[in-house]
Amino acid sequence: MLQKKIEQLIEPISGSFGILIRHIQSGEEVKINSERLFQAARCIKIPILITLFRDIEEGKVQLDTRIRIKEEDRVTGSGILRELDPGAEVSIKDLAMLMTIVSDNLATDKILDIVGGVENVDRYMKELGFENIHVKQTLWDWLQESIGFTPQPYSQEYYETVHQALFSGKSFDPESIVFTGSSHTNAMTPLDSTNLLEKMLKKELVSIKASEAMLDMLSRQQLRRRIPYFLPPGTRVANKTGWIGNVVNDVGIIELPEEKGQLIISVFIMDGSYYESESIIPYISKTAFEYFSEKPVKIY
């Protein structure tokens, strides 16, 4: 039974796990702390992406609109836009793509501005019925909170202070709200994460066209060391990773071979070793893939 296999797999690994694995066609599931709130980390960019596509559908936003990147837009952490000279212009579609496939933090906060802030994203998730998806912090504020700083507006000097603290690798504040499963930070349950992805897979989010566009973006993910890592070449995976301190996440949809259907996997890990946590996620997805595809996967 897959439930037992996954439990045995994670038993020696430190940390708190939240897992939901769902085979769409059969409904068979693996559940471990699936209704517990976990820090969402960069997985929160999926609800932000969905809210953007709602506004596009309603005609409030155009994907080809070009946005000028200003000095004060810089956000440290993942991404490439912060490395560009101020004044560069990118389309909203490019911002969405960068937010999704390389988890660009500057792009994320620009999209939050475009959709009216975290409050609008959080409200939309509740309107869709996802009571346990909480979007409370911009990425700039979230990163500051993670190192115990009180969120402040951008200045070049302060940006460098935050950047150096984050990249020292020793400055995360274990007492910060970021490292809790709290509804006052960016958080979600494996259950709501999985249900959200299932609605996208079934093309029930915003519109058929919007769901297809979002799935296409997620399938272009460049950060592939977790759910997709051990899967056979050519396996279609639409996923979004997350990480901050000792929080390591990945959520995604796997297309099984030979018309065996689709798997949705949501894995959230807190309070463990980063390297152990990242290393175990590929084994979780490999085990589930083998179980439902009925084929062994070779690791090269």
Protein backbone atom coordinates (compact mmCIF):
# COMPACT_ATOMS: atom_id res chain seq x y z
CA MET A 1 0.00 0.00 0.00
CA LEU A 2 1.38 3.38 -0.99
CA GLN A 3 0.49 5.05 2.33
CA LYS A 4 2.74 2.61 4.20
CA LYS A 5 5.56 2.99 1.67
CA ILE A 6 5.57 6.77 2.02
CA GLU A 7 5.40 6.60 5.81
CA GLN A 8 8.39 4.26 5.87
CA LEU A 9 10.28 6.46 3.43
CA ILE A 10 10.00 9.62 5.54
CA GLU A 11 10.25 7.95 8.98
CA PRO A 12 14.04 8.43 9.35
CA ILE A 13 13.95 12.02 8.03
CA SER A 14 13.89 14.89 10.53
CA GLY A 15 11.20 17.54 10.35
CA SER A 16 7.42 17.84 10.19
CA PHE A 17 5.81 16.57 7.01
CA GLY A 18 2.57 17.51 5.32
CA ILE A 19 1.82 15.31 2.32
CA LEU A 20 -1.11 14.68 0.06
CA ILE A 21 -0.73 12.45 -2.99
CA ARG A 22 -3.87 12.02 -5.12
CA HIS A 23 -4.41 9.88 -8.19
CA ILE A 24 -7.11 11.79 -10.04
CA GLN A 25 -8.68 8.87 -11.91
CA SER A 26 -8.98 6.41 -9.00
CA GLY A 27 -9.23 8.89 -6.15
CA GLU A 28 -6.65 6.90 -4.17
CA GLU A 29 -4.75 9.12 -1.75
CA VAL A 30 -1.86 9.26 0.67
CA LYS A 31 -2.47 11.69 3.55
CA ILE A 32 0.03 12.79 6.18
CA ASN A 33 -0.93 15.92 8.16
CA SER A 34 -2.86 16.95 5.07
CA GLU A 35 -5.10 19.44 6.90
CA ARG A 36 -2.32 21.13 8.87
CA LEU A 37 -1.17 24.62 7.90
CA PHE A 38 2.41 24.88 6.63
CA GLN A 39 4.49 27.85 5.55
CA ALA A 40 3.85 28.06 1.82
CA ALA A 41 7.17 29.73 0.93
CA ARG A 42 7.36 30.36 -2.82
CA CYS A 43 4.45 27.98 -3.52
CA ILE A 44 2.31 31.02 -2.65
CA LYS A 45 3.07 32.23 -6.17
CA ILE A 46 0.43 29.84 -7.54
CA PRO A 47 -2.48 31.72 -5.89
CA ILE A 48 -0.91 34.99 -7.08
CA LEU A 49 -0.73 33.64 -10.64
CA ILE A 50 -4.38 32.55 -10.49
CA THR A 51 -5.48 35.98 -9.29
CA LEU A 52 -3.55 37.62 -12.13
CA PHE A 53 -5.34 35.43 -14.68
CA ARG A 54 -8.70 36.30 -13.10
CA ASP A 55 -7.94 39.98 -13.67
CA ILE A 56 -6.85 39.24 -17.24
CA GLU A 57 -10.12 37.36 -17.84
CA GLU A 58 -12.08 40.33 -16.47
CA GLY A 59 -10.25 42.73 -18.78
CA LYS A 60 -8.52 44.62 -15.97
CA VAL A 61 -5.03 43.56 -17.08
CA GLN A 62 -3.41 42.89 -20.46
CA LEU A 63 -0.59 40.35 -20.68
CA ASP A 64 1.30 42.41 -23.25
CA THR A 65 1.36 45.58 -21.12
CA ARG A 66 4.97 46.52 -20.44
CA ILE A 67 6.10 47.42 -16.93
CA ARG A 68 9.18 49.51 -16.14
CA ILE A 69 11.37 48.06 -13.38
CA LYS A 70 12.47 50.75 -10.94
CA GLU A 71 15.27 50.76 -8.39
CA GLU A 72 12.80 50.60 -5.50
CA ASP A 73 11.18 47.46 -6.97
CA ARG A 74 14.22 45.32 -6.11
CA VAL A 75 13.57 42.26 -3.94
CA THR A 76 16.40 40.01 -2.82
CA GLY A 77 16.29 36.22 -2.92
CA SER A 78 15.44 34.14 -5.96
CA GLY A 79 15.15 35.56 -9.45
CA ILE A 80 17.04 37.56 -12.03
CA LEU A 81 15.19 40.87 -12.41
CA ARG A 82 16.94 42.34 -9.37
CA GLU A 83 20.21 42.02 -11.29
CA LEU A 84 19.04 44.21 -14.19
CA ASP A 85 19.69 47.94 -14.42
CA PRO A 86 16.72 50.09 -13.38
CA GLY A 87 14.60 51.13 -16.33
CA ALA A 88 14.28 47.74 -18.00
CA GLU A 89 10.78 47.06 -19.35
CA VAL A 90 9.13 43.65 -19.30
CA SER A 91 5.62 42.54 -20.19
CA ILE A 92 3.17 41.32 -17.56
CA LYS A 93 3.35 37.93 -19.26
CA ASP A 94 7.12 37.93 -18.75
CA LEU A 95 6.67 38.85 -15.08
CA ALA A 96 4.25 35.94 -14.64
CA MET A 97 6.60 33.55 -16.42
CA LEU A 98 9.62 34.63 -14.36
CA MET A 99 7.61 34.40 -11.13
CA THR A 100 6.59 30.86 -12.02
CA ILE A 101 9.58 29.18 -13.65
CA VAL A 102 12.51 30.76 -11.76
CA SER A 103 10.51 31.97 -8.74
CA ASP A 104 11.52 35.60 -9.29
CA ASN A 105 10.68 37.59 -6.15
CA LEU A 106 10.76 41.02 -7.80
CA ALA A 107 8.36 39.77 -10.49
CA THR A 108 6.08 38.39 -7.78
CA ASP A 109 5.81 41.65 -5.89
CA LYS A 110 5.20 43.57 -9.14
CA ILE A 111 2.33 41.20 -9.93
CA LEU A 112 0.98 41.69 -6.42
CA ASP A 113 0.96 45.44 -7.14
CA ILE A 114 -0.87 44.81 -10.42
CA VAL A 115 -3.62 42.71 -8.80
CA GLY A 116 -4.11 45.07 -5.87
CA GLY A 117 -2.00 43.51 -3.14
CA VAL A 118 -1.99 40.46 -0.92
CA GLU A 119 -5.46 41.28 0.39
CA ASN A 120 -7.02 40.76 -3.03
CA VAL A 121 -5.23 37.43 -3.56
CA ASP A 122 -6.23 36.20 -0.11
CA ARG A 123 -9.83 37.29 -0.66
CA TYR A 124 -10.00 35.53 -4.03
CA MET A 125 -8.75 32.27 -2.56
CA LYS A 126 -11.53 32.44 0.04
CA GLU A 127 -14.09 33.20 -2.70
CA LEU A 128 -12.94 30.04 -4.48
CA GLY A 129 -13.53 28.08 -1.27
CA PHE A 130 -9.92 27.69 -0.14
CA GLU A 131 -10.22 28.74 3.48
CA ASN A 132 -6.77 27.38 4.28
CA ILE A 133 -4.75 29.26 1.68
CA HIS A 134 -3.52 32.45 3.32
CA VAL A 135 -1.72 35.21 1.42
CA LYS A 136 -0.62 37.82 3.94
CA GLN A 137 2.85 39.10 3.00
CA THR A 138 4.65 40.49 0.00
CA LEU A 139 7.90 38.68 -0.75
CA TRP A 140 9.87 41.74 0.41
CA ASP A 141 8.09 41.79 3.79
CA TRP A 142 8.20 37.99 4.08
CA LEU A 143 11.96 37.87 3.57
CA GLN A 144 12.52 40.62 6.13
CA GLU A 145 10.34 38.80 8.67
CA SER A 146 12.27 35.57 8.09
CA ILE A 147 15.44 37.15 9.52
CA GLY A 148 13.66 38.86 12.39
CA PHE A 149 13.50 42.33 10.84
CA THR A 150 10.46 44.57 11.12
CA PRO A 151 9.33 45.17 7.52
CA GLN A 152 10.44 48.52 6.12
CA PRO A 153 10.18 50.17 2.70
CA TYR A 154 13.01 49.83 0.20
CA SER A 155 16.18 51.85 0.34
CA GLN A 156 19.42 50.88 -1.35
CA GLU A 157 21.33 50.71 1.92
CA TYR A 158 18.61 48.72 3.68
CA TYR A 159 18.29 46.36 0.71
CA GLU A 160 22.00 45.52 1.01
CA THR A 161 21.57 44.87 4.75
CA VAL A 162 18.68 42.45 4.13
CA HIS A 163 20.47 40.81 1.20
CA GLN A 164 23.66 40.18 3.17
CA ALA A 165 21.72 38.83 6.14
CA LEU A 166 19.76 36.41 3.96
CA PHE A 167 22.73 35.13 2.05
CA SER A 168 24.90 34.65 5.12
CA GLY A 169 22.88 31.49 5.69
CA LYS A 170 22.94 32.05 9.47
CA SER A 171 20.44 34.82 9.94
CA PHE A 172 17.03 33.14 9.78
CA ASP A 173 15.06 33.79 12.95
CA PRO A 174 13.54 30.51 14.21
CA GLU A 175 11.08 32.54 16.30
CA SER A 176 9.74 34.38 13.26
CA ILE A 177 6.12 33.85 12.25
CA VAL A 178 7.50 32.75 8.87
CA PHE A 179 8.62 29.46 10.40
CA THR A 180 5.20 28.53 11.72
CA GLY A 181 2.06 27.20 10.16
CA SER A 182 0.15 30.40 10.90
CA SER A 183 -2.71 32.03 9.06
CA HIS A 184 -0.95 35.37 9.64
CA THR A 185 1.80 34.53 7.16
CA ASN A 186 1.77 32.92 3.70
CA ALA A 187 0.49 29.46 4.46
CA MET A 188 -1.56 26.59 3.07
CA THR A 189 -2.52 23.02 3.81
CA PRO A 190 -1.54 20.11 1.57
CA LEU A 191 -5.27 19.48 1.12
CA ASP A 192 -6.08 22.95 -0.20
CA SER A 193 -2.92 22.99 -2.31
CA THR A 194 -3.93 19.70 -3.94
CA ASN A 195 -7.55 20.77 -4.43
CA LEU A 196 -6.38 24.01 -6.05
CA LEU A 197 -4.14 22.14 -8.49
CA GLU A 198 -6.94 19.69 -9.26
CA LYS A 199 -9.25 22.56 -10.23
CA MET A 200 -6.51 23.89 -12.50
CA LEU A 201 -5.96 20.44 -14.03
CA LYS A 202 -9.70 20.09 -14.66
CA LYS A 203 -9.67 23.60 -16.20
CA GLU A 204 -12.08 24.94 -13.62
CA LEU A 205 -9.98 27.93 -12.49
CA VAL A 206 -10.95 31.27 -14.06
CA SER A 207 -11.61 29.74 -17.52
CA ILE A 208 -10.50 26.84 -19.69
CA LYS A 209 -8.07 29.11 -21.55
CA ALA A 210 -6.64 30.56 -18.33
CA SER A 211 -6.22 27.13 -16.71
CA GLU A 212 -4.40 25.87 -19.81
CA ALA A 213 -2.09 28.91 -19.81
CA MET A 214 -1.24 28.48 -16.13
CA LEU A 215 -0.56 24.75 -16.54
CA ASP A 216 1.71 25.55 -19.45
CA MET A 217 3.68 28.03 -17.33
CA LEU A 218 4.05 25.56 -14.45
CA SER A 219 5.20 22.85 -16.86
CA ARG A 220 8.08 25.11 -17.94
CA GLN A 221 9.48 25.11 -14.40
CA GLN A 222 13.27 25.43 -14.33
CA LEU A 223 13.68 24.37 -10.67
CA ARG A 224 13.40 20.61 -11.09
CA ARG A 225 15.40 19.03 -8.27
CA ARG A 226 12.36 17.88 -6.31
CA ILE A 227 9.17 16.30 -7.70
CA PRO A 228 10.47 15.84 -11.28
CA TYR A 229 14.07 14.93 -10.43
CA PHE A 230 13.97 11.10 -10.64
CA LEU A 231 11.08 10.77 -13.07
CA PRO A 232 11.66 9.35 -16.56
CA PRO A 233 12.82 11.81 -19.24
CA GLY A 234 9.88 13.37 -21.03
CA THR A 235 7.48 13.05 -18.09
CA ARG A 236 5.26 16.13 -18.05
CA VAL A 237 5.36 17.77 -14.64
CA ALA A 238 3.74 21.11 -13.77
CA ASN A 239 5.15 22.14 -10.41
CA LYS A 240 6.15 24.99 -8.12
CA THR A 241 8.86 24.72 -5.50
CA GLY A 242 9.23 26.65 -2.26
CA TRP A 243 12.00 27.23 0.25
CA ILE A 244 12.92 29.48 3.18
CA GLY A 245 15.30 28.45 5.98
CA ASN A 246 14.27 24.98 7.14
CA VAL A 247 11.05 25.03 5.07
CA VAL A 248 11.20 22.95 1.87
CA ASN A 249 8.13 22.45 -0.34
CA ASP A 250 7.07 21.31 -3.76
CA VAL A 251 3.60 20.94 -5.25
CA GLY A 252 2.81 19.67 -8.70
CA ILE A 253 0.92 17.61 -11.25
CA ILE A 254 2.50 14.56 -12.90
CA GLU A 255 1.24 13.04 -16.15
CA LEU A 256 1.53 9.26 -15.90
CA PRO A 257 2.50 7.18 -18.96
CA GLU A 258 0.22 4.96 -21.04
CA GLU A 259 -2.95 6.85 -20.12
CA LYS A 260 -2.64 5.90 -16.44
CA GLY A 261 -3.91 9.36 -15.52
CA GLN A 262 -2.52 12.16 -13.40
CA LEU A 263 -1.01 12.46 -9.95
CA ILE A 264 -1.08 15.56 -7.81
CA ILE A 265 1.60 15.69 -5.13
CA SER A 266 1.84 18.33 -2.39
CA VAL A 267 4.80 18.04 -0.02
CA PHE A 268 5.48 20.56 2.76
CA ILE A 269 8.36 20.07 5.21
CA MET A 270 9.23 22.28 8.19
CA ASP A 271 11.78 22.09 11.03
CA GLY A 272 14.13 19.66 9.34
CA SER A 273 17.45 19.73 7.54
CA TYR A 274 17.29 21.57 4.21
CA TYR A 275 19.42 18.96 2.47
CA GLU A 276 17.53 15.98 3.89
CA SER A 277 14.20 17.61 3.04
CA GLU A 278 15.13 18.46 -0.53
CA SER A 279 16.66 15.01 -1.06
CA ILE A 280 13.59 13.06 0.12
CA ILE A 281 11.04 14.78 -2.16
CA PRO A 282 12.31 13.10 -5.37
CA TYR A 283 12.00 9.71 -3.64
CA ILE A 284 8.42 10.50 -2.59
CA SER A 285 7.42 11.35 -6.17
CA LYS A 286 9.35 8.40 -7.61
CA THR A 287 7.62 5.99 -5.21
CA ALA A 288 4.19 7.36 -6.11
CA PHE A 289 4.98 7.35 -9.83
CA GLU A 290 6.08 3.70 -9.72
CA TYR A 291 3.02 2.69 -7.73
CA PHE A 292 0.47 4.21 -10.11
CA SER A 293 2.35 3.61 -13.38
CA GLU A 294 3.19 0.03 -12.32
CA LYS A 295 6.68 0.51 -13.72
CA PRO A 296 10.04 0.79 -11.96
CA VAL A 297 12.02 4.00 -12.42
CA LYS A 298 15.77 3.76 -12.95
CA ILE A 299 17.92 6.37 -11.24
CA TYR A 300 20.96 7.20 -13.34
